[in-house]
Amino acid sequence: MLYAGEGAKTDGALSLANTNPAMLTFFCRWLRYFFDIDETRLRVTLYLHQGLDLPAATAYWSRLTGIPIAQFGKAYRAEANPSIRHSKHPMGCPRIAYSCSRTHRAVMGLVDALLACPTSLPGW
């Protein structure tokens, strides 16, 4: 359900961006538990406002996700625009990506099956 609603639908890759640490740790645990993944294909890209601590944010997300810092891409550093956003996530918004067509097809098959559930279930 999480991936059906929040995950990117790019062909051949799975990715999820979220600021909630519980969501991203769950996504990583789910991916590792249900699929035979190659850990070296996991990547993280951070979206972090200027002035916030990039090394601290990188270390934080690496520790939570179990993805080595060496697998983090170049961070996007957003300039503050007070007319758009007043609050900033101190650890940024990470996007976790896993490139593998086989795994992507398996996940999208599960999403399709989930969305095809009959609406005639009791209580619906």
Protein backbone atom coordinates (compact mmCIF):
# COMPACT_ATOMS: atom_id res chain seq x y z
CA MET A 1 0.00 0.00 0.00
CA LEU A 2 2.83 2.39 0.86
CA TYR A 3 4.51 1.93 -2.50
CA ALA A 4 1.20 1.98 -4.39
CA GLY A 5 0.48 5.44 -3.00
CA GLU A 6 3.87 7.03 -2.46
CA GLY A 7 6.39 5.21 -4.65
CA ALA A 8 7.67 6.49 -7.97
CA LYS A 9 6.47 4.50 -10.95
CA THR A 10 9.61 4.93 -13.07
CA ASP A 11 10.18 1.93 -15.32
CA GLY A 12 12.97 -0.37 -14.12
CA ALA A 13 13.48 1.25 -10.73
CA LEU A 14 11.79 1.59 -7.38
CA SER A 15 12.06 4.81 -5.43
CA LEU A 16 10.39 6.39 -2.47
CA ALA A 17 10.87 9.89 -1.06
CA ASN A 18 9.59 10.80 2.37
CA THR A 19 10.66 12.78 5.43
CA ASN A 20 9.22 10.25 7.88
CA PRO A 21 12.03 8.02 9.20
CA ALA A 22 9.58 5.21 10.03
CA MET A 23 8.29 5.12 6.44
CA LEU A 24 11.77 4.94 4.94
CA THR A 25 13.09 2.34 7.37
CA PHE A 26 9.97 0.28 6.72
CA PHE A 27 10.49 0.58 2.96
CA CYS A 28 14.11 -0.60 3.26
CA ARG A 29 13.19 -3.50 5.57
CA TRP A 30 10.32 -4.53 3.28
CA LEU A 31 12.53 -4.44 0.19
CA ARG A 32 15.26 -6.49 1.88
CA TYR A 33 12.87 -9.02 3.41
CA PHE A 34 10.64 -9.79 0.42
CA PHE A 35 13.08 -9.42 -2.47
CA ASP A 36 16.53 -10.75 -3.23
CA ILE A 37 18.22 -7.40 -3.70
CA ASP A 38 21.76 -6.39 -4.54
CA GLU A 39 22.63 -3.95 -1.74
CA THR A 40 25.11 -2.13 -3.99
CA ARG A 41 22.22 -0.94 -6.17
CA LEU A 42 20.55 1.00 -3.36
CA ARG A 43 20.99 4.76 -3.69
CA VAL A 44 19.97 7.78 -1.64
CA THR A 45 19.61 11.37 -2.76
CA LEU A 46 18.91 14.08 -0.19
CA TYR A 47 16.89 17.24 -0.69
CA LEU A 48 18.16 19.61 1.99
CA HIS A 49 17.76 23.35 2.48
CA GLN A 50 20.84 25.57 2.41
CA GLY A 51 22.22 26.21 5.88
CA LEU A 52 21.28 22.78 7.23
CA ASP A 53 23.98 20.25 8.16
CA LEU A 54 24.51 17.96 5.15
CA PRO A 55 27.08 15.64 6.83
CA ALA A 56 24.77 15.16 9.84
CA ALA A 57 21.75 14.48 7.60
CA THR A 58 23.73 12.03 5.46
CA ALA A 59 24.98 10.15 8.54
CA TYR A 60 21.46 10.11 10.02
CA TRP A 61 19.80 8.59 6.94
CA SER A 62 22.68 6.17 6.37
CA ARG A 63 22.34 4.87 9.91
CA LEU A 64 18.54 4.52 9.64
CA THR A 65 18.45 2.87 6.23
CA GLY A 66 21.62 0.79 6.45
CA ILE A 67 22.75 2.26 3.13
CA PRO A 68 26.44 3.25 3.15
CA ILE A 69 27.29 6.92 2.69
CA ALA A 70 29.31 5.94 -0.39
CA GLN A 71 25.98 5.11 -2.08
CA PHE A 72 24.55 8.60 -1.53
CA GLY A 73 24.39 10.82 -4.59
CA LYS A 74 24.96 14.54 -4.72
CA ALA A 75 22.43 16.32 -2.50
CA TYR A 76 20.06 18.92 -3.85
CA ARG A 77 20.52 22.07 -1.73
CA ALA A 78 17.38 24.20 -1.86
CA GLU A 79 17.54 27.91 -1.24
CA ALA A 80 15.09 29.09 1.38
CA ASN A 81 12.04 30.86 0.00
CA PRO A 82 9.96 32.19 2.91
CA SER A 83 6.98 32.86 0.64
CA ILE A 84 6.66 29.14 -0.10
CA ARG A 85 7.81 27.22 2.95
CA HIS A 86 8.16 28.24 6.57
CA SER A 87 9.27 24.94 8.08
CA LYS A 88 12.29 22.92 7.04
CA HIS A 89 13.00 19.30 7.77
CA PRO A 90 16.35 19.42 9.62
CA MET A 91 17.44 16.08 8.16
CA GLY A 92 16.05 16.81 4.72
CA CYS A 93 13.92 14.67 2.45
CA PRO A 94 15.69 11.55 1.21
CA ARG A 95 14.76 9.59 -1.89
CA ILE A 96 15.73 5.94 -1.77
CA ALA A 97 16.11 4.29 -5.15
CA TYR A 98 16.73 0.71 -6.21
CA SER A 99 17.38 0.03 -9.89
CA CYS A 100 16.37 -3.45 -10.98
CA SER A 101 13.80 -4.23 -13.67
CA ARG A 102 12.99 -7.66 -12.23
CA THR A 103 12.23 -6.28 -8.77
CA HIS A 104 10.32 -3.34 -10.24
CA ARG A 105 8.10 -5.71 -12.27
CA ALA A 106 7.45 -7.85 -9.18
CA VAL A 107 6.46 -4.84 -7.08
CA MET A 108 4.25 -3.38 -9.79
CA GLY A 109 2.58 -6.80 -10.17
CA LEU A 110 1.77 -6.68 -6.46
CA VAL A 111 0.44 -3.12 -6.81
CA ASP A 112 -1.76 -4.18 -9.75
CA ALA A 113 -3.09 -7.15 -7.77
CA LEU A 114 -3.83 -4.92 -4.79
CA LEU A 115 -5.68 -2.37 -6.88
CA ALA A 116 -7.66 -5.10 -8.66
CA CYS A 117 -9.20 -6.37 -5.41
CA PRO A 118 -12.94 -6.72 -5.82
CA THR A 119 -14.94 -3.86 -4.38
CA SER A 120 -17.66 -6.32 -3.37
CA LEU A 121 -15.85 -7.23 -0.17
CA PRO A 122 -18.05 -7.21 2.94
CA GLY A 123 -18.28 -3.72 4.38
CA TRP A 124 -17.26 -1.93 1.16
